Amino acid sequence: MTYFAHPLLGKRLPMPEDPELAQARVLTRELQSHADMLTRELQYISRPEAQTRAQADLAAVRRQLDRLHDRFPGVADAPDTLAS
């Protein structure tokens, strides 16, 4: 964790998290949850066209996750501090 010296209190306080990184972390969590749901659904889809659509959706979600991890490498490393 990063700290800064507070000029008036004379003590070290935790740095607030970068808002873009915090938003990326929330979006990553939601996209991962959606990818997990699509993966489970693929096990039960019997129609070929529905399976093709679900696979395309899953591929799109995975691409978005990859882009987020490329743009915000700290998303995968930083702990999730938001309540679920």
PDB file of N, CA and C in Angstrom:
ATOM      1  N   MET A   1       0.847  -1.170   0.000  1.00  0.00           N
ATOM      2  CA  MET A   1       0.000   0.000   0.000  1.00  0.00           C
ATOM      3  C   MET A   1       0.893   1.234   0.000  1.00  0.00           C
ATOM      4  N   THR A   2       0.461   2.256  -0.684  1.00  0.00           N
ATOM      5  CA  THR A   2       1.197   3.507  -0.761  1.00  0.00           C
ATOM      6  C   THR A   2       0.681   4.462   0.313  1.00  0.00           C
ATOM      7  N   TYR A   3       1.600   5.195   0.938  1.00  0.00           N
ATOM      8  CA  TYR A   3       1.235   6.146   1.981  1.00  0.00           C
ATOM      9  C   TYR A   3       1.720   7.534   1.608  1.00  0.00           C
ATOM     10  N   PHE A   4       1.104   8.540   2.207  1.00  0.00           N
ATOM     11  CA  PHE A   4       1.586   9.905   2.043  1.00  0.00           C
ATOM     12  C   PHE A   4       1.585  10.574   3.411  1.00  0.00           C
ATOM     13  N   ALA A   5       2.479  11.538   3.590  1.00  0.00           N
ATOM     14  CA  ALA A   5       2.560  12.266   4.858  1.00  0.00           C
ATOM     15  C   ALA A   5       1.546  13.404   4.830  1.00  0.00           C
ATOM     16  N   HIS A   6       0.612  13.360   5.766  1.00  0.00           N
ATOM     17  CA  HIS A   6      -0.407  14.402   5.845  1.00  0.00           C
ATOM     18  C   HIS A   6       0.225  15.644   6.468  1.00  0.00           C
ATOM     19  N   PRO A   7       0.172  16.795   5.784  1.00  0.00           N
ATOM     20  CA  PRO A   7       0.873  17.985   6.274  1.00  0.00           C
ATOM     21  C   PRO A   7       0.307  18.548   7.580  1.00  0.00           C
ATOM     22  N   LEU A   8      -0.982  18.403   7.822  1.00  0.00           N
ATOM     23  CA  LEU A   8      -1.583  18.978   9.026  1.00  0.00           C
ATOM     24  C   LEU A   8      -1.604  18.000  10.197  1.00  0.00           C
ATOM     25  N   LEU A   9      -1.824  16.740   9.922  1.00  0.00           N
ATOM     26  CA  LEU A   9      -1.899  15.751  10.997  1.00  0.00           C
ATOM     27  C   LEU A   9      -0.528  15.232  11.400  1.00  0.00           C
ATOM     28  N   GLY A  10       0.450  15.379  10.524  1.00  0.00           N
ATOM     29  CA  GLY A  10       1.797  14.923  10.839  1.00  0.00           C
ATOM     30  C   GLY A  10       1.931  13.418  10.913  1.00  0.00           C
ATOM     31  N   LYS A  11       1.080  12.682  10.240  1.00  0.00           N
ATOM     32  CA  LYS A  11       1.217  11.221  10.205  1.00  0.00           C
ATOM     33  C   LYS A  11       1.024  10.707   8.794  1.00  0.00           C
ATOM     34  N   ARG A  12       1.399   9.476   8.628  1.00  0.00           N
ATOM     35  CA  ARG A  12       1.269   8.844   7.308  1.00  0.00           C
ATOM     36  C   ARG A  12      -0.117   8.239   7.171  1.00  0.00           C
ATOM     37  N   LEU A  13      -0.759   8.528   6.059  1.00  0.00           N
ATOM     38  CA  LEU A  13      -2.094   8.001   5.776  1.00  0.00           C
ATOM     39  C   LEU A  13      -2.059   7.233   4.464  1.00  0.00           C
ATOM     40  N   PRO A  14      -2.936   6.228   4.316  1.00  0.00           N
ATOM     41  CA  PRO A  14      -2.962   5.486   3.050  1.00  0.00           C
ATOM     42  C   PRO A  14      -3.392   6.387   1.896  1.00  0.00           C
ATOM     43  N   MET A  15      -2.737   6.189   0.755  1.00  0.00           N
ATOM     44  CA  MET A  15      -3.094   6.929  -0.457  1.00  0.00           C
ATOM     45  C   MET A  15      -4.432   6.416  -0.963  1.00  0.00           C
ATOM     46  N   PRO A  16      -5.312   7.315  -1.352  1.00  0.00           N
ATOM     47  CA  PRO A  16      -6.544   6.839  -1.980  1.00  0.00           C
ATOM     48  C   PRO A  16      -6.218   6.159  -3.307  1.00  0.00           C
ATOM     49  N   GLU A  17      -7.026   5.164  -3.641  1.00  0.00           N
ATOM     50  CA  GLU A  17      -6.791   4.412  -4.872  1.00  0.00           C
ATOM     51  C   GLU A  17      -7.158   5.244  -6.094  1.00  0.00           C
ATOM     52  N   ASP A  18      -6.419   5.028  -7.163  1.00  0.00           N
ATOM     53  CA  ASP A  18      -6.698   5.672  -8.437  1.00  0.00           C
ATOM     54  C   ASP A  18      -8.119   5.299  -8.860  1.00  0.00           C
ATOM     55  N   PRO A  19      -8.989   6.274  -9.141  1.00  0.00           N
ATOM     56  CA  PRO A  19     -10.374   5.962  -9.493  1.00  0.00           C
ATOM     57  C   PRO A  19     -10.508   5.110 -10.755  1.00  0.00           C
ATOM     58  N   GLU A  20      -9.623   5.304 -11.727  1.00  0.00           N
ATOM     59  CA  GLU A  20      -9.697   4.484 -12.945  1.00  0.00           C
ATOM     60  C   GLU A  20      -9.375   3.029 -12.638  1.00  0.00           C
ATOM     61  N   LEU A  21      -8.390   2.806 -11.769  1.00  0.00           N
ATOM     62  CA  LEU A  21      -8.040   1.443 -11.382  1.00  0.00           C
ATOM     63  C   LEU A  21      -9.174   0.804 -10.586  1.00  0.00           C
ATOM     64  N   ALA A  22      -9.797   1.571  -9.706  1.00  0.00           N
ATOM     65  CA  ALA A  22     -10.922   1.050  -8.928  1.00  0.00           C
ATOM     66  C   ALA A  22     -12.078   0.658  -9.846  1.00  0.00           C
ATOM     67  N   GLN A  23     -12.369   1.497 -10.829  1.00  0.00           N
ATOM     68  CA  GLN A  23     -13.444   1.193 -11.770  1.00  0.00           C
ATOM     69  C   GLN A  23     -13.087  -0.026 -12.617  1.00  0.00           C
ATOM     70  N   ALA A  24     -11.830  -0.130 -13.025  1.00  0.00           N
ATOM     71  CA  ALA A  24     -11.392  -1.288 -13.807  1.00  0.00           C
ATOM     72  C   ALA A  24     -11.523  -2.566 -12.991  1.00  0.00           C
ATOM     73  N   ARG A  25     -11.243  -2.475 -11.688  1.00  0.00           N
ATOM     74  CA  ARG A  25     -11.360  -3.650 -10.828  1.00  0.00           C
ATOM     75  C   ARG A  25     -12.816  -4.127 -10.736  1.00  0.00           C
ATOM     76  N   VAL A  26     -13.738  -3.175 -10.591  1.00  0.00           N
ATOM     77  CA  VAL A  26     -15.164  -3.523 -10.513  1.00  0.00           C
ATOM     78  C   VAL A  26     -15.629  -4.134 -11.833  1.00  0.00           C
ATOM     79  N   LEU A  27     -15.249  -3.514 -12.945  1.00  0.00           N
ATOM     80  CA  LEU A  27     -15.645  -4.033 -14.255  1.00  0.00           C
ATOM     81  C   LEU A  27     -15.053  -5.419 -14.492  1.00  0.00           C
ATOM     82  N   THR A  28     -13.806  -5.626 -14.074  1.00  0.00           N
ATOM     83  CA  THR A  28     -13.173  -6.934 -14.227  1.00  0.00           C
ATOM     84  C   THR A  28     -13.945  -7.998 -13.459  1.00  0.00           C
ATOM     85  N   ARG A  29     -14.333  -7.659 -12.230  1.00  0.00           N
ATOM     86  CA  ARG A  29     -15.092  -8.618 -11.414  1.00  0.00           C
ATOM     87  C   ARG A  29     -16.421  -8.974 -12.088  1.00  0.00           C
ATOM     88  N   GLU A  30     -17.117  -7.969 -12.631  1.00  0.00           N
ATOM     89  CA  GLU A  30     -18.399  -8.217 -13.296  1.00  0.00           C
ATOM     90  C   GLU A  30     -18.222  -9.028 -14.581  1.00  0.00           C
ATOM     91  N   LEU A  31     -17.207  -8.691 -15.361  1.00  0.00           N
ATOM     92  CA  LEU A  31     -16.955  -9.442 -16.597  1.00  0.00           C
ATOM     93  C   LEU A  31     -16.572 -10.887 -16.297  1.00  0.00           C
ATOM     94  N   GLN A  32     -15.780 -11.104 -15.255  1.00  0.00           N
ATOM     95  CA  GLN A  32     -15.395 -12.466 -14.893  1.00  0.00           C
ATOM     96  C   GLN A  32     -16.612 -13.268 -14.450  1.00  0.00           C
ATOM     97  N   SER A  33     -17.499 -12.631 -13.707  1.00  0.00           N
ATOM     98  CA  SER A  33     -18.737 -13.290 -13.292  1.00  0.00           C
ATOM     99  C   SER A  33     -19.584 -13.660 -14.513  1.00  0.00           C
ATOM    100  N   HIS A  34     -19.656 -12.759 -15.480  1.00  0.00           N
ATOM    101  CA  HIS A  34     -20.420 -13.030 -16.706  1.00  0.00           C
ATOM    102  C   HIS A  34     -19.774 -14.169 -17.507  1.00  0.00           C
ATOM    103  N   ALA A  35     -18.445 -14.179 -17.575  1.00  0.00           N
ATOM    104  CA  ALA A  35     -17.742 -15.257 -18.284  1.00  0.00           C
ATOM    105  C   ALA A  35     -17.998 -16.600 -17.606  1.00  0.00           C
ATOM    106  N   ASP A  36     -18.013 -16.619 -16.283  1.00  0.00           N
ATOM    107  CA  ASP A  36     -18.299 -17.859 -15.554  1.00  0.00           C
ATOM    108  C   ASP A  36     -19.710 -18.358 -15.857  1.00  0.00           C
ATOM    109  N   MET A  37     -20.676 -17.427 -15.906  1.00  0.00           N
ATOM    110  CA  MET A  37     -22.057 -17.802 -16.210  1.00  0.00           C
ATOM    111  C   MET A  37     -22.170 -18.361 -17.629  1.00  0.00           C
ATOM    112  N   LEU A  38     -21.527 -17.698 -18.593  1.00  0.00           N
ATOM    113  CA  LEU A  38     -21.573 -18.183 -19.976  1.00  0.00           C
ATOM    114  C   LEU A  38     -20.924 -19.557 -20.101  1.00  0.00           C
ATOM    115  N   THR A  39     -19.839 -19.778 -19.382  1.00  0.00           N
ATOM    116  CA  THR A  39     -19.164 -21.076 -19.413  1.00  0.00           C
ATOM    117  C   THR A  39     -20.086 -22.168 -18.884  1.00  0.00           C
ATOM    118  N   ARG A  40     -20.798 -21.872 -17.792  1.00  0.00           N
ATOM    119  CA  ARG A  40     -21.755 -22.860 -17.251  1.00  0.00           C
ATOM    120  C   ARG A  40     -22.890 -23.116 -18.240  1.00  0.00           C
ATOM    121  N   GLU A  41     -23.415 -22.054 -18.849  1.00  0.00           N
ATOM    122  CA  GLU A  41     -24.517 -22.204 -19.799  1.00  0.00           C
ATOM    123  C   GLU A  41     -24.115 -23.040 -21.007  1.00  0.00           C
ATOM    124  N   LEU A  42     -22.879 -22.907 -21.453  1.00  0.00           N
ATOM    125  CA  LEU A  42     -22.418 -23.668 -22.623  1.00  0.00           C
ATOM    126  C   LEU A  42     -22.534 -25.171 -22.409  1.00  0.00           C
ATOM    127  N   GLN A  43     -22.478 -25.623 -21.173  1.00  0.00           N
ATOM    128  CA  GLN A  43     -22.582 -27.052 -20.878  1.00  0.00           C
ATOM    129  C   GLN A  43     -23.985 -27.586 -21.157  1.00  0.00           C
ATOM    130  N   TYR A  44     -24.987 -26.700 -21.124  1.00  0.00           N
ATOM    131  CA  TYR A  44     -26.373 -27.153 -21.242  1.00  0.00           C
ATOM    132  C   TYR A  44     -27.058 -26.747 -22.540  1.00  0.00           C
ATOM    133  N   ILE A  45     -26.384 -26.000 -23.385  1.00  0.00           N
ATOM    134  CA  ILE A  45     -26.985 -25.555 -24.648  1.00  0.00           C
ATOM    135  C   ILE A  45     -26.870 -26.677 -25.674  1.00  0.00           C
ATOM    136  N   SER A  46     -28.010 -27.030 -26.275  1.00  0.00           N
ATOM    137  CA  SER A  46     -27.991 -28.132 -27.246  1.00  0.00           C
ATOM    138  C   SER A  46     -28.131 -27.646 -28.693  1.00  0.00           C
ATOM    139  N   ARG A  47     -28.778 -26.511 -28.897  1.00  0.00           N
ATOM    140  CA  ARG A  47     -28.951 -26.013 -30.265  1.00  0.00           C
ATOM    141  C   ARG A  47     -27.657 -25.407 -30.777  1.00  0.00           C
ATOM    142  N   PRO A  48     -27.222 -25.775 -31.968  1.00  0.00           N
ATOM    143  CA  PRO A  48     -25.951 -25.279 -32.505  1.00  0.00           C
ATOM    144  C   PRO A  48     -25.879 -23.753 -32.620  1.00  0.00           C
ATOM    145  N   GLU A  49     -26.986 -23.126 -33.061  1.00  0.00           N
ATOM    146  CA  GLU A  49     -26.943 -21.670 -33.217  1.00  0.00           C
ATOM    147  C   GLU A  49     -26.844 -20.960 -31.863  1.00  0.00           C
ATOM    148  N   ALA A  50     -27.489 -21.509 -30.853  1.00  0.00           N
ATOM    149  CA  ALA A  50     -27.397 -20.921 -29.512  1.00  0.00           C
ATOM    150  C   ALA A  50     -25.996 -21.116 -28.936  1.00  0.00           C
ATOM    151  N   GLN A  51     -25.413 -22.272 -29.216  1.00  0.00           N
ATOM    152  CA  GLN A  51     -24.061 -22.541 -28.732  1.00  0.00           C
ATOM    153  C   GLN A  51     -23.045 -21.611 -29.418  1.00  0.00           C
ATOM    154  N   THR A  52     -23.225 -21.392 -30.712  1.00  0.00           N
ATOM    155  CA  THR A  52     -22.342 -20.482 -31.448  1.00  0.00           C
ATOM    156  C   THR A  52     -22.431 -19.072 -30.879  1.00  0.00           C
ATOM    157  N   ARG A  53     -23.652 -18.639 -30.587  1.00  0.00           N
ATOM    158  CA  ARG A  53     -23.854 -17.292 -30.027  1.00  0.00           C
ATOM    159  C   ARG A  53     -23.204 -17.172 -28.642  1.00  0.00           C
ATOM    160  N   ALA A  54     -23.388 -18.173 -27.795  1.00  0.00           N
ATOM    161  CA  ALA A  54     -22.806 -18.142 -26.452  1.00  0.00           C
ATOM    162  C   ALA A  54     -21.278 -18.156 -26.517  1.00  0.00           C
ATOM    163  N   GLN A  55     -20.718 -18.923 -27.450  1.00  0.00           N
ATOM    164  CA  GLN A  55     -19.261 -18.953 -27.606  1.00  0.00           C
ATOM    165  C   GLN A  55     -18.734 -17.596 -28.084  1.00  0.00           C
ATOM    166  N   ALA A  56     -19.476 -16.950 -28.977  1.00  0.00           N
ATOM    167  CA  ALA A  56     -19.078 -15.617 -29.450  1.00  0.00           C
ATOM    168  C   ALA A  56     -19.142 -14.599 -28.308  1.00  0.00           C
ATOM    169  N   ASP A  57     -20.195 -14.684 -27.490  1.00  0.00           N
ATOM    170  CA  ASP A  57     -20.310 -13.788 -26.338  1.00  0.00           C
ATOM    171  C   ASP A  57     -19.161 -14.013 -25.358  1.00  0.00           C
ATOM    172  N   LEU A  58     -18.834 -15.273 -25.104  1.00  0.00           N
ATOM    173  CA  LEU A  58     -17.744 -15.601 -24.191  1.00  0.00           C
ATOM    174  C   LEU A  58     -16.410 -15.092 -24.734  1.00  0.00           C
ATOM    175  N   ALA A  59     -16.192 -15.228 -26.021  1.00  0.00           N
ATOM    176  CA  ALA A  59     -14.954 -14.729 -26.629  1.00  0.00           C
ATOM    177  C   ALA A  59     -14.862 -13.207 -26.498  1.00  0.00           C
ATOM    178  N   ALA A  60     -15.987 -12.518 -26.665  1.00  0.00           N
ATOM    179  CA  ALA A  60     -15.997 -11.056 -26.529  1.00  0.00           C
ATOM    180  C   ALA A  60     -15.680 -10.635 -25.094  1.00  0.00           C
ATOM    181  N   VAL A  61     -16.247 -11.341 -24.133  1.00  0.00           N
ATOM    182  CA  VAL A  61     -15.975 -11.038 -22.723  1.00  0.00           C
ATOM    183  C   VAL A  61     -14.501 -11.275 -22.408  1.00  0.00           C
ATOM    184  N   ARG A  62     -13.952 -12.365 -22.913  1.00  0.00           N
ATOM    185  CA  ARG A  62     -12.530 -12.654 -22.660  1.00  0.00           C
ATOM    186  C   ARG A  62     -11.624 -11.600 -23.299  1.00  0.00           C
ATOM    187  N   ARG A  63     -11.995 -11.112 -24.485  1.00  0.00           N
ATOM    188  CA  ARG A  63     -11.219 -10.039 -25.120  1.00  0.00           C
ATOM    189  C   ARG A  63     -11.255  -8.770 -24.267  1.00  0.00           C
ATOM    190  N   GLN A  64     -12.434  -8.459 -23.739  1.00  0.00           N
ATOM    191  CA  GLN A  64     -12.550  -7.275 -22.883  1.00  0.00           C
ATOM    192  C   GLN A  64     -11.709  -7.432 -21.617  1.00  0.00           C
ATOM    193  N   LEU A  65     -11.711  -8.620 -21.033  1.00  0.00           N
ATOM    194  CA  LEU A  65     -10.883  -8.871 -19.853  1.00  0.00           C
ATOM    195  C   LEU A  65      -9.399  -8.729 -20.181  1.00  0.00           C
ATOM    196  N   ASP A  66      -8.995  -9.261 -21.319  1.00  0.00           N
ATOM    197  CA  ASP A  66      -7.590  -9.138 -21.731  1.00  0.00           C
ATOM    198  C   ASP A  66      -7.194  -7.671 -21.904  1.00  0.00           C
ATOM    199  N   ARG A  67      -8.067  -6.891 -22.512  1.00  0.00           N
ATOM    200  CA  ARG A  67      -7.773  -5.465 -22.711  1.00  0.00           C
ATOM    201  C   ARG A  67      -7.670  -4.726 -21.376  1.00  0.00           C
ATOM    202  N   LEU A  68      -8.556  -5.065 -20.447  1.00  0.00           N
ATOM    203  CA  LEU A  68      -8.479  -4.434 -19.129  1.00  0.00           C
ATOM    204  C   LEU A  68      -7.175  -4.782 -18.423  1.00  0.00           C
ATOM    205  N   HIS A  69      -6.772  -6.053 -18.515  1.00  0.00           N
ATOM    206  CA  HIS A  69      -5.521  -6.463 -17.873  1.00  0.00           C
ATOM    207  C   HIS A  69      -4.311  -5.826 -18.552  1.00  0.00           C
ATOM    208  N   ASP A  70      -4.387  -5.614 -19.857  1.00  0.00           N
ATOM    209  CA  ASP A  70      -3.295  -4.928 -20.558  1.00  0.00           C
ATOM    210  C   ASP A  70      -3.205  -3.461 -20.129  1.00  0.00           C
ATOM    211  N   ARG A  71      -4.360  -2.822 -20.014  1.00  0.00           N
ATOM    212  CA  ARG A  71      -4.400  -1.384 -19.667  1.00  0.00           C
ATOM    213  C   ARG A  71      -4.130  -1.144 -18.189  1.00  0.00           C
ATOM    214  N   PHE A  72      -4.609  -2.062 -17.326  1.00  0.00           N
ATOM    215  CA  PHE A  72      -4.461  -1.928 -15.878  1.00  0.00           C
ATOM    216  C   PHE A  72      -3.868  -3.213 -15.305  1.00  0.00           C
ATOM    217  N   PRO A  73      -2.552  -3.391 -15.399  1.00  0.00           N
ATOM    218  CA  PRO A  73      -1.938  -4.621 -14.888  1.00  0.00           C
ATOM    219  C   PRO A  73      -2.184  -4.824 -13.395  1.00  0.00           C
ATOM    220  N   GLY A  74      -2.392  -3.750 -12.652  1.00  0.00           N
ATOM    221  CA  GLY A  74      -2.629  -3.854 -11.213  1.00  0.00           C
ATOM    222  C   GLY A  74      -3.969  -4.452 -10.855  1.00  0.00           C
ATOM    223  N   VAL A  75      -4.871  -4.571 -11.809  1.00  0.00           N
ATOM    224  CA  VAL A  75      -6.198  -5.122 -11.522  1.00  0.00           C
ATOM    225  C   VAL A  75      -6.094  -6.557 -11.025  1.00  0.00           C
ATOM    226  N   ALA A  76      -5.232  -7.329 -11.635  1.00  0.00           N
ATOM    227  CA  ALA A  76      -5.106  -8.734 -11.248  1.00  0.00           C
ATOM    228  C   ALA A  76      -4.387  -8.884  -9.916  1.00  0.00           C
ATOM    229  N   ASP A  77      -3.511  -7.927  -9.560  1.00  0.00           N
ATOM    230  CA  ASP A  77      -2.698  -8.046  -8.357  1.00  0.00           C
ATOM    231  C   ASP A  77      -3.338  -7.428  -7.125  1.00  0.00           C
ATOM    232  N   ALA A  78      -4.064  -6.340  -7.306  1.00  0.00           N
ATOM    233  CA  ALA A  78      -4.583  -5.596  -6.163  1.00  0.00           C
ATOM    234  C   ALA A  78      -5.757  -6.322  -5.520  1.00  0.00           C
ATOM    235  N   PRO A  79      -5.854  -6.267  -4.193  1.00  0.00           N
ATOM    236  CA  PRO A  79      -6.980  -6.913  -3.515  1.00  0.00           C
ATOM    237  C   PRO A  79      -8.267  -6.158  -3.782  1.00  0.00           C
ATOM    238  N   ASP A  80      -9.353  -6.875  -3.774  1.00  0.00           N
ATOM    239  CA  ASP A  80     -10.658  -6.266  -3.982  1.00  0.00           C
ATOM    240  C   ASP A  80     -11.167  -5.796  -2.627  1.00  0.00           C
ATOM    241  N   THR A  81     -11.290  -4.496  -2.442  1.00  0.00           N
ATOM    242  CA  THR A  81     -11.694  -3.962  -1.151  1.00  0.00           C
ATOM    243  C   THR A  81     -13.165  -3.587  -1.111  1.00  0.00           C
ATOM    244  N   LEU A  82     -13.862  -3.716  -2.213  1.00  0.00           N
ATOM    245  CA  LEU A  82     -15.276  -3.376  -2.240  1.00  0.00           C
ATOM    246  C   LEU A  82     -16.105  -4.537  -1.728  1.00  0.00           C
ATOM    247  N   ALA A  83     -17.157  -4.221  -1.021  1.00  0.00           N
ATOM    248  CA  ALA A  83     -18.057  -5.271  -0.533  1.00  0.00           C
ATOM    249  C   ALA A  83     -18.849  -5.824  -1.701  1.00  0.00           C
ATOM    250  N   SER A  84     -19.016  -7.114  -1.713  1.00  0.00           N
ATOM    251  CA  SER A  84     -19.774  -7.749  -2.794  1.00  0.00           C
ATOM    252  C   SER A  84     -21.222  -7.874  -2.419  1.00  0.00           C
TER     253      SER A  84
END
